[in-house]
Amino acid sequence: MGALDNDQNGCEVSQPVDDWVLSSLQARILEGVAAGSSSGRLSRELHLSSKTIDYHVRVMSDKLKAPNRVSLVSRAFVLQILRTDSWPPRIGCETGD
């Protein structure tokens, strides 16, 4: 499925599709989705519109070929984008932006 590379900090980073890497905003949204937060709740926490949250969820879902939020989170765990040793879920490595 996806290949693993090391970033400048030596952390393994999943490169599932066309060397795509999550932005820091997408990482925060993915963590929220994995924790079960709705778009409305994430929009209030991140001070964005719910349409912006839905847009980023859709972009991530398209990149990971996930038809829904549950599949998105599952694929993020399988590709080691999300850590399996923490709750609430966290991204495996901090993003650079």
Protein backbone atom coordinates (compact mmCIF):
# COMPACT_ATOMS: atom_id res chain seq x y z
CA MET A 1 0.00 0.00 0.00
CA GLY A 2 2.07 2.96 1.22
CA ALA A 3 5.80 3.27 1.58
CA LEU A 4 7.52 4.56 4.70
CA ASP A 5 10.22 7.23 4.57
CA ASN A 6 12.06 9.16 7.28
CA ASP A 7 11.55 12.89 7.67
CA GLN A 8 14.22 15.40 8.73
CA ASN A 9 13.62 14.46 12.39
CA GLY A 10 14.17 10.77 11.73
CA CYS A 11 10.48 9.94 12.20
CA GLU A 12 8.83 7.45 9.91
CA VAL A 13 6.36 9.19 7.64
CA SER A 14 3.86 7.35 5.51
CA GLN A 15 3.77 8.31 1.86
CA PRO A 16 0.57 6.59 0.71
CA VAL A 17 -0.16 8.42 -2.53
CA ASP A 18 2.09 10.52 -4.77
CA ASP A 19 4.36 11.57 -1.88
CA TRP A 20 1.41 13.32 -0.21
CA VAL A 21 2.07 14.47 3.38
CA LEU A 22 -0.50 15.89 5.78
CA SER A 23 -0.44 19.59 6.54
CA SER A 24 -0.51 20.54 10.22
CA LEU A 25 -4.19 21.55 9.84
CA GLN A 26 -5.07 18.23 8.21
CA ALA A 27 -3.23 16.44 11.02
CA ARG A 28 -5.34 18.22 13.65
CA ILE A 29 -8.53 17.46 11.72
CA LEU A 30 -7.58 13.79 11.30
CA GLU A 31 -6.85 13.51 15.03
CA GLY A 32 -10.28 14.98 15.75
CA VAL A 33 -12.05 12.68 13.32
CA ALA A 34 -10.24 9.69 14.83
CA ALA A 35 -11.38 10.80 18.29
CA GLY A 36 -14.98 10.92 17.06
CA SER A 37 -15.46 14.68 16.78
CA SER A 38 -18.07 15.98 14.36
CA SER A 39 -17.32 18.62 11.72
CA GLY A 40 -19.29 21.10 13.81
CA ARG A 41 -17.24 20.46 16.91
CA LEU A 42 -13.96 20.59 14.98
CA SER A 43 -15.02 23.83 13.30
CA ARG A 44 -15.61 25.44 16.70
CA GLU A 45 -12.33 24.13 18.15
CA LEU A 46 -10.24 25.13 15.11
CA HIS A 47 -12.14 28.36 14.36
CA LEU A 48 -12.99 27.25 10.82
CA SER A 49 -16.26 26.69 9.01
CA SER A 50 -17.70 23.19 9.00
CA LYS A 51 -17.46 23.28 5.18
CA THR A 52 -13.70 23.81 5.48
CA ILE A 53 -13.46 20.82 7.84
CA ASP A 54 -15.54 18.71 5.42
CA TYR A 55 -13.32 19.82 2.53
CA HIS A 56 -10.15 18.66 4.30
CA VAL A 57 -11.78 15.38 5.34
CA ARG A 58 -12.79 14.84 1.70
CA VAL A 59 -9.26 15.64 0.44
CA MET A 60 -7.71 13.20 2.93
CA SER A 61 -10.35 10.56 2.10
CA ASP A 62 -9.64 10.93 -1.62
CA LYS A 63 -5.88 10.63 -1.12
CA LEU A 64 -6.26 7.51 1.03
CA LYS A 65 -9.07 6.13 -1.15
CA ALA A 66 -11.39 5.97 1.85
CA PRO A 67 -15.15 6.13 1.17
CA ASN A 68 -16.08 7.44 4.66
CA ARG A 69 -14.67 8.72 7.97
CA VAL A 70 -14.36 5.26 9.51
CA SER A 71 -12.33 4.04 6.53
CA LEU A 72 -10.22 7.19 6.63
CA VAL A 73 -9.27 6.58 10.25
CA SER A 74 -8.68 2.86 9.65
CA ARG A 75 -6.36 3.55 6.72
CA ALA A 76 -4.54 6.24 8.69
CA PHE A 77 -3.80 3.64 11.39
CA VAL A 78 -2.76 0.97 8.86
CA LEU A 79 -0.44 3.42 7.09
CA GLN A 80 0.98 4.48 10.47
CA ILE A 81 -0.12 8.07 10.00
CA LEU A 82 -1.90 7.80 13.36
CA ARG A 83 -0.08 6.32 16.35
CA THR A 84 -1.52 3.18 17.89
CA ASP A 85 -0.12 3.84 21.37
CA SER A 86 -2.06 6.95 22.39
CA TRP A 87 -5.56 8.13 23.15
CA PRO A 88 -6.90 10.41 21.95
CA PRO A 89 -5.29 9.46 18.61
CA ARG A 90 -2.23 11.44 17.59
CA ILE A 91 -0.27 11.80 14.36
CA GLY A 92 2.85 9.64 14.34
CA CYS A 93 5.20 12.60 13.88
CA GLU A 94 4.79 16.35 14.06
CA THR A 95 4.28 18.02 10.71
CA GLY A 96 6.74 20.56 9.41
CA ASP A 97 4.43 23.42 8.54
